Amino acid sequence: MKRFNIIENILIENRYARIVEVGVLKGQTLRYILQSECKNFITDYWAVDPWPHQHGGDPRHRQVCRFIPFFPQLRIIRLTSVEAAQLLNNKYLSRGYLDFGFIDADHSYESVKEDISVWLPHIRAGGMLTGHDYGRRYPGVKKAVDEVFGIDNIEVINEVWIKRIDK
């Protein structure tokens, strides 16, 4: 099962409406989710990625921006994960506003740990914080997730880590 299917199943099963995806790149995950049944109940899909500023713009950023006319629930934020969380904190999103977060940005230990720490407060009780590439290929991801949540407190399906937030 691919990450798209895992996320789609979680969203459908829980009817999660307010989503953040951190680390969008080409928009494969968001495109899949917003073209699925999920588009019928998702009200906010925050897509966070810094997409490097280059002369003429980043083609991956432009590619993701092309989805906006088709998905009015899509909000694109061209900042780092930490900058976006700080911007949204109290200005647009209150703590516990989001139902679901998916982290697939910088895979270094320090970055994953920081991403978890800045987005976790935005996930409501009963929501989920998840991420991709948990395993041997990206040891920093596994180490950070295990350190923050504990290996016995997460579920892992095909390199997607899942943490239900109890608060």
N, C-alpha and C. Protein backbone atom coordinates (compact mmCIF):
# COMPACT_ATOMS: atom_id res chain seq x y z
N MET A 1 0.84 -1.17 0.00
CA MET A 1 0.00 0.00 0.00
C MET A 1 0.90 1.24 0.00
N LYS A 2 0.60 2.21 -0.87
CA LYS A 2 1.39 3.43 -0.97
C LYS A 2 0.94 4.46 0.05
N ARG A 3 1.81 5.45 0.29
CA ARG A 3 1.49 6.48 1.28
C ARG A 3 0.18 7.18 0.96
N PHE A 4 -0.11 7.38 -0.34
CA PHE A 4 -1.35 8.05 -0.74
C PHE A 4 -2.56 7.28 -0.22
N ASN A 5 -2.52 5.97 -0.40
CA ASN A 5 -3.64 5.13 0.03
C ASN A 5 -3.78 5.09 1.55
N ILE A 6 -2.65 5.06 2.24
CA ILE A 6 -2.68 5.04 3.70
C ILE A 6 -3.31 6.32 4.22
N ILE A 7 -2.87 7.46 3.70
CA ILE A 7 -3.41 8.74 4.13
C ILE A 7 -4.88 8.85 3.76
N GLU A 8 -5.22 8.48 2.55
CA GLU A 8 -6.62 8.52 2.11
C GLU A 8 -7.51 7.70 3.04
N ASN A 9 -7.08 6.49 3.38
CA ASN A 9 -7.87 5.63 4.26
C ASN A 9 -8.06 6.25 5.64
N ILE A 10 -7.01 6.85 6.18
CA ILE A 10 -7.11 7.51 7.49
C ILE A 10 -8.10 8.67 7.41
N LEU A 11 -7.97 9.48 6.39
CA LEU A 11 -8.84 10.65 6.25
C LEU A 11 -10.31 10.25 6.10
N ILE A 12 -10.57 9.25 5.27
CA ILE A 12 -11.94 8.80 5.05
C ILE A 12 -12.52 8.18 6.32
N GLU A 13 -11.74 7.30 6.94
CA GLU A 13 -12.22 6.62 8.15
C GLU A 13 -12.58 7.61 9.26
N ASN A 14 -11.80 8.68 9.38
CA ASN A 14 -12.00 9.64 10.47
C ASN A 14 -12.72 10.92 10.03
N ARG A 15 -12.96 11.07 8.73
CA ARG A 15 -13.60 12.27 8.18
C ARG A 15 -12.87 13.54 8.61
N TYR A 16 -11.53 13.48 8.55
CA TYR A 16 -10.72 14.63 8.91
C TYR A 16 -10.87 15.71 7.84
N ALA A 17 -11.18 16.93 8.27
CA ALA A 17 -11.49 18.02 7.34
C ALA A 17 -10.39 19.07 7.23
N ARG A 18 -9.55 19.20 8.27
CA ARG A 18 -8.53 20.26 8.29
C ARG A 18 -7.14 19.61 8.34
N ILE A 19 -6.41 19.78 7.24
CA ILE A 19 -5.18 19.02 6.98
C ILE A 19 -4.01 19.98 6.78
N VAL A 20 -2.80 19.56 7.21
CA VAL A 20 -1.57 20.22 6.80
C VAL A 20 -0.63 19.16 6.25
N GLU A 21 -0.03 19.48 5.13
CA GLU A 21 1.03 18.63 4.55
C GLU A 21 2.30 19.46 4.56
N VAL A 22 3.32 18.98 5.24
CA VAL A 22 4.60 19.68 5.35
C VAL A 22 5.62 18.95 4.50
N GLY A 23 6.08 19.61 3.45
CA GLY A 23 6.98 18.99 2.49
C GLY A 23 6.18 18.50 1.29
N VAL A 24 5.83 19.40 0.41
CA VAL A 24 4.91 19.11 -0.69
C VAL A 24 5.64 18.74 -1.97
N LEU A 25 6.74 19.39 -2.23
CA LEU A 25 7.56 19.23 -3.43
C LEU A 25 6.74 19.36 -4.70
N LYS A 26 6.44 18.28 -5.40
CA LYS A 26 5.69 18.34 -6.66
C LYS A 26 4.18 18.24 -6.47
N GLY A 27 3.74 18.00 -5.25
CA GLY A 27 2.31 17.95 -4.98
C GLY A 27 1.65 16.61 -5.26
N GLN A 28 2.43 15.54 -5.30
CA GLN A 28 1.85 14.23 -5.61
C GLN A 28 0.83 13.79 -4.57
N THR A 29 1.17 13.96 -3.29
CA THR A 29 0.26 13.52 -2.23
C THR A 29 -0.99 14.38 -2.23
N LEU A 30 -0.83 15.70 -2.27
CA LEU A 30 -2.02 16.56 -2.21
C LEU A 30 -2.90 16.36 -3.43
N ARG A 31 -2.32 16.17 -4.59
CA ARG A 31 -3.12 15.93 -5.80
C ARG A 31 -3.93 14.64 -5.65
N TYR A 32 -3.31 13.59 -5.16
CA TYR A 32 -4.01 12.32 -4.98
C TYR A 32 -5.16 12.48 -3.99
N ILE A 33 -4.88 13.11 -2.86
CA ILE A 33 -5.90 13.27 -1.81
C ILE A 33 -7.04 14.15 -2.29
N LEU A 34 -6.72 15.27 -2.93
CA LEU A 34 -7.77 16.20 -3.35
C LEU A 34 -8.53 15.72 -4.60
N GLN A 35 -8.06 14.67 -5.24
CA GLN A 35 -8.81 14.08 -6.35
C GLN A 35 -9.59 12.84 -5.90
N SER A 36 -9.43 12.50 -4.64
CA SER A 36 -10.12 11.33 -4.10
C SER A 36 -11.45 11.75 -3.49
N GLU A 37 -12.11 10.81 -2.89
CA GLU A 37 -13.36 11.07 -2.16
C GLU A 37 -13.17 12.12 -1.07
N CYS A 38 -11.94 12.27 -0.59
CA CYS A 38 -11.64 13.21 0.50
C CYS A 38 -12.00 14.65 0.16
N LYS A 39 -11.98 15.00 -1.13
CA LYS A 39 -12.28 16.38 -1.51
C LYS A 39 -13.70 16.78 -1.11
N ASN A 40 -14.56 15.80 -0.86
CA ASN A 40 -15.94 16.08 -0.49
C ASN A 40 -16.10 16.53 0.95
N PHE A 41 -15.09 16.29 1.79
CA PHE A 41 -15.22 16.70 3.19
C PHE A 41 -14.04 17.52 3.71
N ILE A 42 -12.94 17.60 2.98
CA ILE A 42 -11.81 18.43 3.41
C ILE A 42 -12.19 19.90 3.20
N THR A 43 -12.06 20.69 4.27
CA THR A 43 -12.37 22.11 4.18
C THR A 43 -11.11 22.97 4.06
N ASP A 44 -10.00 22.53 4.64
CA ASP A 44 -8.73 23.25 4.60
C ASP A 44 -7.61 22.26 4.34
N TYR A 45 -6.83 22.51 3.30
CA TYR A 45 -5.65 21.70 3.03
C TYR A 45 -4.48 22.67 2.91
N TRP A 46 -3.68 22.77 3.98
CA TRP A 46 -2.53 23.66 4.01
C TRP A 46 -1.32 22.91 3.46
N ALA A 47 -0.76 23.41 2.37
CA ALA A 47 0.41 22.81 1.71
C ALA A 47 1.62 23.68 2.00
N VAL A 48 2.57 23.16 2.78
CA VAL A 48 3.72 23.93 3.24
C VAL A 48 5.00 23.38 2.62
N ASP A 49 5.73 24.26 1.94
CA ASP A 49 7.02 23.89 1.35
C ASP A 49 7.76 25.19 1.03
N PRO A 50 9.08 25.23 1.23
CA PRO A 50 9.81 26.47 0.91
C PRO A 50 10.12 26.64 -0.57
N TRP A 51 9.94 25.63 -1.38
CA TRP A 51 10.30 25.68 -2.80
C TRP A 51 11.33 26.77 -3.05
N PRO A 52 12.55 26.39 -3.33
CA PRO A 52 13.62 27.38 -3.49
C PRO A 52 13.26 28.47 -4.50
N HIS A 53 13.60 29.69 -4.14
CA HIS A 53 13.37 30.82 -5.05
C HIS A 53 14.50 30.84 -6.07
N GLN A 54 14.15 30.68 -7.32
CA GLN A 54 15.13 30.69 -8.40
C GLN A 54 14.66 31.70 -9.44
N HIS A 55 15.58 32.11 -10.29
CA HIS A 55 15.21 33.03 -11.37
C HIS A 55 14.09 32.39 -12.19
N GLY A 56 12.99 33.06 -12.29
CA GLY A 56 11.86 32.51 -13.04
C GLY A 56 10.96 31.65 -12.19
N GLY A 57 11.31 31.44 -10.92
CA GLY A 57 10.47 30.63 -10.04
C GLY A 57 10.79 29.16 -10.11
N ASP A 58 10.31 28.42 -9.16
CA ASP A 58 10.52 26.98 -9.10
C ASP A 58 9.38 26.29 -9.85
N PRO A 59 9.68 25.47 -10.85
CA PRO A 59 8.61 24.82 -11.61
C PRO A 59 7.73 23.91 -10.76
N ARG A 60 8.28 23.34 -9.69
CA ARG A 60 7.47 22.48 -8.82
C ARG A 60 6.42 23.31 -8.09
N HIS A 61 6.80 24.53 -7.66
CA HIS A 61 5.85 25.43 -6.99
C HIS A 61 4.74 25.82 -7.95
N ARG A 62 5.11 26.19 -9.18
CA ARG A 62 4.10 26.56 -10.19
C ARG A 62 3.17 25.39 -10.48
N GLN A 63 3.73 24.19 -10.50
CA GLN A 63 2.92 22.99 -10.75
C GLN A 63 1.86 22.82 -9.67
N VAL A 64 2.23 23.03 -8.41
CA VAL A 64 1.29 22.90 -7.31
C VAL A 64 0.26 24.03 -7.35
N CYS A 65 0.69 25.24 -7.70
CA CYS A 65 -0.24 26.38 -7.77
C CYS A 65 -1.33 26.16 -8.82
N ARG A 66 -1.07 25.35 -9.81
CA ARG A 66 -2.08 25.06 -10.84
C ARG A 66 -3.30 24.32 -10.29
N PHE A 67 -3.18 23.74 -9.10
CA PHE A 67 -4.30 23.02 -8.49
C PHE A 67 -5.33 23.96 -7.86
N ILE A 68 -4.93 25.19 -7.56
CA ILE A 68 -5.80 26.11 -6.82
C ILE A 68 -7.18 26.29 -7.44
N PRO A 69 -7.32 26.50 -8.76
CA PRO A 69 -8.67 26.69 -9.31
C PRO A 69 -9.58 25.46 -9.15
N PHE A 70 -9.00 24.30 -9.00
CA PHE A 70 -9.77 23.07 -8.91
C PHE A 70 -10.08 22.65 -7.47
N PHE A 71 -9.31 23.17 -6.53
CA PHE A 71 -9.46 22.80 -5.13
C PHE A 71 -9.48 24.05 -4.26
N PRO A 72 -10.63 24.66 -4.07
CA PRO A 72 -10.70 25.91 -3.29
C PRO A 72 -10.27 25.75 -1.83
N GLN A 73 -10.22 24.53 -1.35
CA GLN A 73 -9.78 24.30 0.03
C GLN A 73 -8.26 24.31 0.17
N LEU A 74 -7.52 24.42 -0.94
CA LEU A 74 -6.06 24.39 -0.92
C LEU A 74 -5.49 25.76 -0.57
N ARG A 75 -4.59 25.77 0.41
CA ARG A 75 -3.87 26.98 0.81
C ARG A 75 -2.38 26.66 0.74
N ILE A 76 -1.65 27.37 -0.10
CA ILE A 76 -0.23 27.10 -0.31
C ILE A 76 0.59 28.12 0.46
N ILE A 77 1.54 27.61 1.23
CA ILE A 77 2.43 28.46 2.02
C ILE A 77 3.86 28.15 1.62
N ARG A 78 4.51 29.15 1.03
CA ARG A 78 5.88 28.97 0.55
C ARG A 78 6.87 29.45 1.61
N LEU A 79 6.96 28.69 2.67
CA LEU A 79 7.88 28.96 3.78
C LEU A 79 8.41 27.62 4.29
N THR A 80 9.42 27.69 5.14
CA THR A 80 9.87 26.47 5.79
C THR A 80 8.78 26.03 6.77
N SER A 81 8.88 24.82 7.23
CA SER A 81 7.92 24.28 8.17
C SER A 81 7.81 25.15 9.42
N VAL A 82 8.93 25.50 9.99
CA VAL A 82 8.95 26.29 11.22
C VAL A 82 8.38 27.68 10.98
N GLU A 83 8.77 28.32 9.88
CA GLU A 83 8.24 29.65 9.56
C GLU A 83 6.73 29.61 9.37
N ALA A 84 6.25 28.59 8.68
CA ALA A 84 4.81 28.45 8.43
C ALA A 84 4.05 28.24 9.73
N ALA A 85 4.55 27.37 10.58
CA ALA A 85 3.88 27.10 11.86
C ALA A 85 3.83 28.37 12.71
N GLN A 86 4.90 29.14 12.70
CA GLN A 86 4.93 30.39 13.47
C GLN A 86 3.97 31.41 12.88
N LEU A 87 3.92 31.51 11.56
CA LEU A 87 3.00 32.44 10.90
C LEU A 87 1.55 32.08 11.21
N LEU A 88 1.25 30.81 11.12
CA LEU A 88 -0.13 30.37 11.32
C LEU A 88 -0.55 30.37 12.78
N ASN A 89 0.42 30.25 13.67
CA ASN A 89 0.11 30.18 15.10
C ASN A 89 -0.64 31.43 15.54
N ASN A 90 -1.87 31.24 15.93
CA ASN A 90 -2.77 32.28 16.43
C ASN A 90 -3.23 33.27 15.37
N LYS A 91 -2.53 33.41 14.25
CA LYS A 91 -2.98 34.34 13.22
C LYS A 91 -4.09 33.71 12.38
N TYR A 92 -3.87 32.49 11.93
CA TYR A 92 -4.86 31.79 11.12
C TYR A 92 -5.39 30.52 11.79
N LEU A 93 -4.49 29.82 12.47
CA LEU A 93 -4.86 28.55 13.09
C LEU A 93 -4.67 28.63 14.59
N SER A 94 -5.68 28.30 15.33
CA SER A 94 -5.51 28.23 16.77
C SER A 94 -4.90 26.87 17.11
N ARG A 95 -4.40 26.76 18.30
CA ARG A 95 -3.85 25.47 18.73
C ARG A 95 -4.99 24.45 18.72
N GLY A 96 -4.69 23.28 18.21
CA GLY A 96 -5.70 22.24 18.14
C GLY A 96 -6.70 22.42 17.00
N TYR A 97 -6.40 23.26 16.04
CA TYR A 97 -7.32 23.51 14.93
C TYR A 97 -7.31 22.38 13.91
N LEU A 98 -6.15 21.81 13.64
CA LEU A 98 -6.00 20.81 12.58
C LEU A 98 -6.42 19.42 13.06
N ASP A 99 -6.98 18.66 12.13
CA ASP A 99 -7.34 17.27 12.39
C ASP A 99 -6.19 16.32 12.08
N PHE A 100 -5.37 16.69 11.10
CA PHE A 100 -4.40 15.74 10.55
C PHE A 100 -3.19 16.49 10.02
N GLY A 101 -2.01 15.99 10.33
CA GLY A 101 -0.77 16.53 9.79
C GLY A 101 0.06 15.43 9.17
N PHE A 102 0.68 15.72 8.03
CA PHE A 102 1.55 14.77 7.34
C PHE A 102 2.89 15.45 7.11
N ILE A 103 3.96 14.92 7.70
CA ILE A 103 5.29 15.50 7.61
C ILE A 103 6.14 14.65 6.66
N ASP A 104 6.62 15.32 5.59
CA ASP A 104 7.47 14.64 4.60
C ASP A 104 8.44 15.67 4.01
N ALA A 105 9.09 16.42 4.88
CA ALA A 105 9.98 17.50 4.45
C ALA A 105 11.43 17.05 4.58
N ASP A 106 12.26 17.88 5.18
CA ASP A 106 13.67 17.55 5.40
C ASP A 106 13.71 16.32 6.31
N HIS A 107 14.46 15.30 5.91
CA HIS A 107 14.47 14.02 6.61
C HIS A 107 15.59 13.89 7.64
N SER A 108 16.27 14.98 7.94
CA SER A 108 17.32 14.91 8.96
C SER A 108 16.68 14.82 10.35
N TYR A 109 17.38 14.24 11.27
CA TYR A 109 16.90 14.07 12.65
C TYR A 109 16.43 15.40 13.24
N GLU A 110 17.29 16.42 13.14
CA GLU A 110 16.98 17.72 13.74
C GLU A 110 15.72 18.32 13.12
N SER A 111 15.59 18.25 11.81
CA SER A 111 14.44 18.85 11.14
C SER A 111 13.14 18.12 11.46
N VAL A 112 13.18 16.80 11.46
CA VAL A 112 11.97 16.03 11.77
C VAL A 112 11.52 16.32 13.20
N LYS A 113 12.46 16.35 14.11
CA LYS A 113 12.12 16.62 15.51
C LYS A 113 11.52 18.03 15.64
N GLU A 114 12.09 18.98 14.93
CA GLU A 114 11.57 20.35 14.96
C GLU A 114 10.19 20.44 14.31
N ASP A 115 10.01 19.75 13.18
CA ASP A 115 8.70 19.74 12.52
C ASP A 115 7.63 19.18 13.45
N ILE A 116 7.94 18.10 14.12
CA ILE A 116 6.98 17.51 15.06
C ILE A 116 6.65 18.51 16.16
N SER A 117 7.67 19.15 16.70
CA SER A 117 7.44 20.06 17.83
C SER A 117 6.61 21.28 17.44
N VAL A 118 6.76 21.80 16.22
CA VAL A 118 6.00 23.00 15.85
C VAL A 118 4.59 22.69 15.35
N TRP A 119 4.37 21.48 14.82
CA TRP A 119 3.04 21.15 14.30
C TRP A 119 2.17 20.39 15.30
N LEU A 120 2.77 19.67 16.22
CA LEU A 120 2.00 18.91 17.20
C LEU A 120 0.97 19.76 17.95
N PRO A 121 1.30 20.98 18.40
CA PRO A 121 0.29 21.78 19.11
C PRO A 121 -0.92 22.15 18.25
N HIS A 122 -0.77 22.12 16.95
CA HIS A 122 -1.87 22.48 16.05
C HIS A 122 -2.85 21.33 15.81
N ILE A 123 -2.48 20.11 16.21
CA ILE A 123 -3.34 18.94 15.99
C ILE A 123 -4.26 18.77 17.20
N ARG A 124 -5.53 18.66 16.94
CA ARG A 124 -6.53 18.54 18.01
C ARG A 124 -6.48 17.15 18.66
N ALA A 125 -7.04 17.06 19.84
CA ALA A 125 -7.19 15.76 20.50
C ALA A 125 -8.09 14.90 19.62
N GLY A 126 -7.67 13.68 19.37
CA GLY A 126 -8.39 12.78 18.48
C GLY A 126 -7.91 12.85 17.04
N GLY A 127 -7.05 13.83 16.76
CA GLY A 127 -6.47 13.95 15.43
C GLY A 127 -5.22 13.09 15.32
N MET A 128 -4.52 13.22 14.21
CA MET A 128 -3.30 12.42 14.00
C MET A 128 -2.19 13.27 13.41
N LEU A 129 -0.98 12.99 13.85
CA LEU A 129 0.22 13.52 13.24
C LEU A 129 0.94 12.32 12.64
N THR A 130 1.28 12.43 11.37
CA THR A 130 1.89 11.32 10.65
C THR A 130 3.08 11.83 9.85
N GLY A 131 3.81 10.91 9.27
CA GLY A 131 4.92 11.29 8.41
C GLY A 131 5.37 10.13 7.56
N HIS A 132 6.29 10.43 6.67
CA HIS A 132 6.74 9.43 5.70
C HIS A 132 8.21 9.12 5.91
N ASP A 133 8.65 8.01 5.34
CA ASP A 133 10.04 7.56 5.31
C ASP A 133 10.60 7.16 6.67
N TYR A 134 9.76 6.50 7.45
CA TYR A 134 10.19 5.94 8.74
C TYR A 134 10.84 4.59 8.44
N GLY A 135 12.12 4.49 8.69
CA GLY A 135 12.80 3.22 8.45
C GLY A 135 14.29 3.39 8.26
N ARG A 136 14.92 2.36 7.75
CA ARG A 136 16.38 2.33 7.62
C ARG A 136 16.93 3.33 6.61
N ARG A 137 16.16 3.60 5.58
CA ARG A 137 16.66 4.49 4.53
C ARG A 137 16.89 5.91 5.04
N TYR A 138 16.07 6.34 5.99
CA TYR A 138 16.19 7.67 6.59
C TYR A 138 16.25 7.52 8.11
N PRO A 139 17.42 7.19 8.66
CA PRO A 139 17.51 6.94 10.09
C PRO A 139 17.16 8.15 10.95
N GLY A 140 17.34 9.36 10.42
CA GLY A 140 17.00 10.55 11.17
C GLY A 140 15.51 10.65 11.46
N VAL A 141 14.69 10.23 10.51
CA VAL A 141 13.24 10.24 10.69
C VAL A 141 12.86 9.29 11.82
N LYS A 142 13.35 8.07 11.73
CA LYS A 142 13.02 7.05 12.74
C LYS A 142 13.48 7.49 14.13
N LYS A 143 14.71 7.98 14.22
CA LYS A 143 15.26 8.38 15.51
C LYS A 143 14.43 9.51 16.12
N ALA A 144 14.07 10.52 15.34
CA ALA A 144 13.30 11.65 15.86
C ALA A 144 11.90 11.22 16.30
N VAL A 145 11.22 10.43 15.49
CA VAL A 145 9.87 9.99 15.82
C VAL A 145 9.89 9.12 17.07
N ASP A 146 10.82 8.17 17.13
CA ASP A 146 10.93 7.29 18.29
C ASP A 146 11.24 8.08 19.56
N GLU A 147 12.10 9.09 19.43
CA GLU A 147 12.50 9.88 20.59
C GLU A 147 11.33 10.73 21.11
N VAL A 148 10.56 11.31 20.20
CA VAL A 148 9.45 12.17 20.62
C VAL A 148 8.28 11.36 21.16
N PHE A 149 7.90 10.30 20.45
CA PHE A 149 6.68 9.57 20.81
C PHE A 149 6.91 8.23 21.49
N GLY A 150 8.07 7.64 21.27
CA GLY A 150 8.32 6.29 21.78
C GLY A 150 7.88 5.26 20.75
N ILE A 151 8.69 4.27 20.54
CA ILE A 151 8.45 3.28 19.50
C ILE A 151 7.14 2.50 19.73
N ASP A 152 6.72 2.37 20.97
CA ASP A 152 5.50 1.63 21.27
C ASP A 152 4.24 2.48 21.19
N ASN A 153 4.41 3.76 20.91
CA ASN A 153 3.26 4.68 20.88
C ASN A 153 2.89 5.15 19.49
N ILE A 154 3.46 4.52 18.48
CA ILE A 154 3.14 4.86 17.09
C ILE A 154 2.77 3.60 16.34
N GLU A 155 2.10 3.79 15.24
CA GLU A 155 1.83 2.70 14.30
C GLU A 155 2.63 3.00 13.05
N VAL A 156 3.15 1.98 12.41
CA VAL A 156 3.90 2.16 11.17
C VAL A 156 3.32 1.24 10.10
N ILE A 157 2.96 1.84 8.97
CA ILE A 157 2.46 1.08 7.82
C ILE A 157 3.28 1.51 6.61
N ASN A 158 4.06 0.58 6.07
CA ASN A 158 4.86 0.85 4.87
C ASN A 158 5.59 2.19 4.92
N GLU A 159 6.37 2.40 5.94
CA GLU A 159 7.19 3.60 6.15
C GLU A 159 6.41 4.86 6.50
N VAL A 160 5.11 4.76 6.69
CA VAL A 160 4.32 5.88 7.18
C VAL A 160 4.12 5.69 8.68
N TRP A 161 4.61 6.66 9.48
CA TRP A 161 4.41 6.60 10.92
C TRP A 161 3.14 7.37 11.25
N ILE A 162 2.42 6.87 12.26
CA ILE A 162 1.11 7.42 12.61
C ILE A 162 1.04 7.55 14.13
N LYS A 163 0.69 8.74 14.58
CA LYS A 163 0.52 8.98 16.01
C LYS A 163 -0.84 9.64 16.24
N ARG A 164 -1.73 8.93 16.94
CA ARG A 164 -3.01 9.53 17.32
C ARG A 164 -2.75 10.42 18.53
N ILE A 165 -3.30 11.61 18.49
CA ILE A 165 -3.07 12.59 19.53
C ILE A 165 -4.16 12.49 20.59
N ASP A 166 -3.76 12.19 21.81
CA ASP A 166 -4.71 12.01 22.90
C ASP A 166 -4.94 13.31 23.68
N LYS A 167 -3.89 14.05 23.90
CA LYS A 167 -3.90 15.29 24.70
C LYS A 167 -4.84 15.14 25.84
